[in-house]
Protein backbone atom coordinates (compact mmCIF):
# COMPACT_ATOMS: atom_id res chain seq x y z
CA MET A 1 14.81 -13.35 58.39
CA ASN A 2 18.53 -12.06 58.31
CA LYS A 3 18.94 -7.95 59.17
CA ASN A 4 22.15 -8.24 56.36
CA TYR A 5 18.83 -9.46 53.79
CA ILE A 6 16.70 -7.20 54.53
CA ILE A 7 19.14 -4.22 53.85
CA GLU A 8 20.66 -6.01 50.60
CA ALA A 9 17.11 -6.04 49.34
CA ILE A 10 16.51 -2.55 50.30
CA LEU A 11 19.57 -1.41 48.94
CA VAL A 12 18.87 -3.42 45.75
CA ALA A 13 14.89 -1.71 45.26
CA VAL A 14 16.83 1.67 45.66
CA ALA A 15 19.22 0.99 43.04
CA VAL A 16 16.57 -0.61 40.14
CA VAL A 17 14.30 2.83 40.93
CA ALA A 18 17.27 4.71 40.38
CA ILE A 19 18.85 3.33 37.36
CA TYR A 20 15.33 2.77 35.95
CA SER A 21 14.45 7.03 36.59
CA ILE A 22 17.58 7.96 34.84
CA VAL A 23 16.54 5.41 31.80
CA GLN A 24 13.75 7.22 31.93
CA VAL A 25 14.80 10.80 31.36
CA ASN A 26 16.94 9.68 28.67
CA VAL A 27 13.89 7.92 26.14
CA PRO A 28 12.47 10.03 23.95
CA LEU A 29 8.01 10.65 24.22
CA THR A 30 6.30 8.33 21.43
CA SER A 31 2.65 8.29 21.28
CA ALA A 32 2.59 5.53 23.81
CA ALA A 33 4.35 7.10 26.32
CA VAL A 34 2.13 10.12 26.07
CA SER A 35 -1.01 9.88 28.52
CA GLY A 36 -3.68 12.03 28.93
CA VAL A 37 -4.96 12.83 25.26
CA ASP A 38 -5.93 10.39 22.37
CA ILE A 39 -7.39 11.06 19.29
CA GLY A 40 -9.84 8.95 17.46
CA SER A 41 -12.16 8.19 14.95
CA SER A 42 -14.70 5.76 13.14
CA VAL A 43 -16.41 5.82 9.84
CA CYS A 44 -19.99 3.99 9.30
CA ILE A 45 -21.25 3.52 5.51
CA TYR A 46 -24.86 3.45 4.50
CA LEU A 47 -26.11 2.73 1.32
CA ASN A 48 -29.66 4.13 0.39
CA ASN A 49 -29.80 4.17 4.03
CA GLN A 50 -29.19 1.05 5.02
CA PRO A 51 -25.68 0.07 6.77
CA ILE A 52 -23.52 -1.67 4.74
CA GLY A 53 -21.34 -2.92 7.57
CA PRO A 54 -20.66 -1.79 11.36
CA CYS A 55 -19.11 1.61 11.75
CA THR A 56 -15.16 0.71 11.86
CA HIS A 57 -12.54 2.83 13.42
CA ASN A 58 -9.45 4.19 10.52
CA ALA A 59 -6.49 4.86 10.04
CA MET A 60 -4.78 8.07 11.13
CA MET A 61 -2.99 9.98 8.74
CA THR A 62 0.76 11.35 9.31
CA ASP A 63 -0.88 14.49 8.05
CA GLY A 64 -4.11 14.57 9.69
CA LEU A 65 -1.56 13.64 13.02
CA ASN A 66 0.55 17.06 12.61
CA PHE A 67 -3.09 18.94 11.50
CA VAL A 68 -4.06 18.01 14.58
CA LYS A 69 -0.78 19.31 16.21
CA THR A 70 -0.81 22.09 14.24
CA LEU A 71 -4.50 23.29 15.42
CA ILE A 72 -3.65 22.16 19.47
CA GLY A 73 -0.08 23.34 19.81
CA ASN A 74 0.10 26.44 17.50
CA TRP A 75 -4.08 27.74 17.11
CA SER A 76 -2.87 31.38 15.69
CA GLY A 77 -1.25 29.04 13.04
CA GLY A 78 -4.97 28.99 11.46
CA GLY A 79 -5.64 26.15 9.08
CA ASN A 80 -8.79 24.99 7.33
CA PRO A 81 -10.91 22.68 9.23
CA VAL A 82 -10.94 18.70 8.03
CA LYS A 83 -14.44 18.69 6.77
CA TRP A 84 -13.97 17.49 3.15
CA ILE A 85 -15.23 13.83 2.62
CA ALA A 86 -13.94 11.99 -0.15
CA LEU A 87 -14.66 8.62 -1.49
CA GLY A 88 -12.88 5.93 -3.75
CA ASN A 89 -11.73 2.70 -5.21
CA THR A 90 -8.69 1.21 -4.15
CA SER A 91 -7.35 -1.06 -1.56
CA SER A 92 -4.47 1.36 -0.04
CA ALA A 93 -7.02 3.85 1.83
CA GLU A 94 -5.35 3.04 5.42
CA THR A 95 -1.89 3.20 4.37
CA ASP A 96 0.12 6.77 5.51
CA GLN A 97 -0.12 8.72 2.64
CA THR A 98 -1.13 12.36 1.58
CA THR A 99 -3.68 11.50 -1.45
CA LEU A 100 -6.48 9.19 -1.82
CA PRO A 101 -5.62 6.85 -4.75
CA GLY A 102 -8.52 6.31 -7.22
CA GLU A 103 -10.45 8.77 -5.66
CA ALA A 104 -13.97 9.83 -7.30
CA THR A 105 -14.19 12.59 -9.67
CA SER A 106 -17.14 12.20 -11.74
CA CYS A 107 -21.11 10.69 -11.15
CA ALA A 108 -21.75 13.68 -8.17
CA LEU A 109 -19.24 11.95 -6.09
CA SER A 110 -16.27 14.21 -6.31
CA ARG A 111 -15.00 15.24 -2.62
CA ALA A 112 -17.65 17.60 -0.67
CA GLU A 113 -17.84 19.14 2.36
CA GLY A 114 -19.41 17.55 4.79
CA ALA A 115 -21.63 18.87 7.59
CA TYR A 116 -20.33 19.23 11.23
CA ALA A 117 -21.89 18.25 14.11
CA SER A 118 -20.72 18.51 18.00
CA VAL A 119 -21.67 15.30 19.63
CA GLY A 120 -20.32 15.80 23.11
CA ASN A 121 -17.65 17.05 24.70
CA GLY A 122 -14.49 16.72 22.40
CA ASN A 123 -16.74 14.67 19.86
CA TRP A 124 -17.57 15.90 16.80
CA SER A 125 -18.94 14.15 13.66
CA ILE A 126 -18.92 14.90 10.11
CA SER A 127 -21.39 13.98 7.75
CA LYS A 128 -22.38 14.23 4.00
CA GLN A 129 -24.95 12.45 1.67
CA PHE A 130 -23.62 11.11 -1.80
CA THR A 131 -26.21 10.89 -4.49
CA VAL A 132 -24.99 9.33 -7.59
CA ALA A 133 -25.79 11.28 -10.98
CA GLY A 134 -25.03 11.74 -14.85
CA CYS A 135 -23.39 8.14 -15.01
CA SER A 136 -24.47 6.37 -18.17
CA GLY A 137 -24.55 2.44 -16.54
CA GLY A 138 -23.73 2.92 -13.52
CA ASN A 139 -21.87 0.18 -11.42
CA ILE A 140 -19.35 2.42 -9.79
CA VAL A 141 -17.42 0.65 -7.25
CA ILE A 142 -16.91 2.43 -4.27
CA ASN A 143 -14.54 0.70 -1.50
CA THR A 144 -12.82 3.53 0.50
CA THR A 145 -13.76 6.84 1.89
CA ALA A 146 -11.44 9.46 3.24
CA LEU A 147 -11.24 13.18 5.42
CA PHE A 148 -9.23 16.00 3.77
CA ASN A 149 -8.95 19.67 4.60
CA ALA A 150 -9.48 21.10 1.60
CA THR A 151 -11.65 20.75 -1.74
CA SER A 152 -8.93 19.50 -3.14
CA SER A 153 -5.12 18.83 -2.66
CA GLY A 154 -4.88 19.42 1.34
CA ALA A 155 -4.02 17.38 4.22
CA MET A 156 -5.31 13.73 4.50
CA PHE A 157 -6.47 13.42 8.14
CA ALA A 158 -7.63 9.91 7.69
CA GLY A 159 -8.49 6.98 5.45
CA LYS A 160 -10.70 3.45 5.99
CA ASN A 161 -11.74 1.27 3.41
CA PHE A 162 -14.83 -0.65 3.39
CA SER A 163 -15.19 -3.81 4.69
CA ASN A 164 -17.83 -3.96 2.31
CA PRO A 165 -17.66 -2.09 -1.68
CA VAL A 166 -21.11 -1.00 -2.68
CA THR A 167 -21.58 -1.31 -6.43
CA LEU A 168 -23.70 2.14 -7.23
CA MET A 169 -26.05 3.17 -9.98
CA ASN A 170 -27.81 6.29 -10.41
CA GLY A 171 -30.15 7.64 -8.05
CA ASP A 172 -28.34 5.47 -5.11
CA GLN A 173 -27.66 7.38 -2.20
CA LEU A 174 -24.53 6.98 -0.28
CA ASN A 175 -24.18 8.03 3.54
CA ILE A 176 -20.89 8.81 5.05
CA THR A 177 -20.56 9.61 8.61
CA TRP A 178 -17.40 10.58 10.56
CA PHE A 179 -16.94 10.61 14.17
CA ILE A 180 -14.27 12.13 16.07
CA TRP A 181 -13.01 12.49 19.75
CA VAL A 182 -10.16 13.94 21.28
CA THR A 183 -9.83 12.36 25.14
C-alpha cells in the first residue's frame, strides 16, 4: 500500500473523531443519551386471586419522572412517597397526564394506600387488595390503574391500561401489585 494513502486515511480518521467530539459536546443530553441509571415499573392484576393477564410494563408520566428526579436530586426537598393506587375506567391511563380520567370513587374502589415491600436492591413493590362493597347491582368495569403520591390530586407517577378489563360485583377482590426498580 502506498505510504501517502495510509497517512491520508489516518488524517481522515483523526478529523472524523475530532468533529464527532466537538458535535457531542454541543448536543443536549436526552434520556437516550444518559447511561447508568434506569427506572422502570410493571403492574400485575388479579381478580379473586386469579391473574387476568400477564404482568406488563406501564407508561411513566412526566410528573413521575420529575418526582424521581426531585427525590434523587434534591432529597432535602422531601415529598410524599408514591404508594397510593387508583383504579379507573378509561382508555387513556398511559398518556402523559396528571390525573386518571374515570378514576373510581365508590364501591370501596377509591384511591387507597398500598403496602410497600422491598424486593431487593433498587427494587420495591406497592400492592393493594380492593374488595368491592356497597354497590347495588355491581357490573363495575375497571380497566386502568395508576400510582400517585397522595390520597387525592398529587403527582401521577405511572399509569397502565389493563389488557383484560374486569367487571366487578359486590364481594369481588381485585389485587394490584406495582413493581418498581431503579438500575
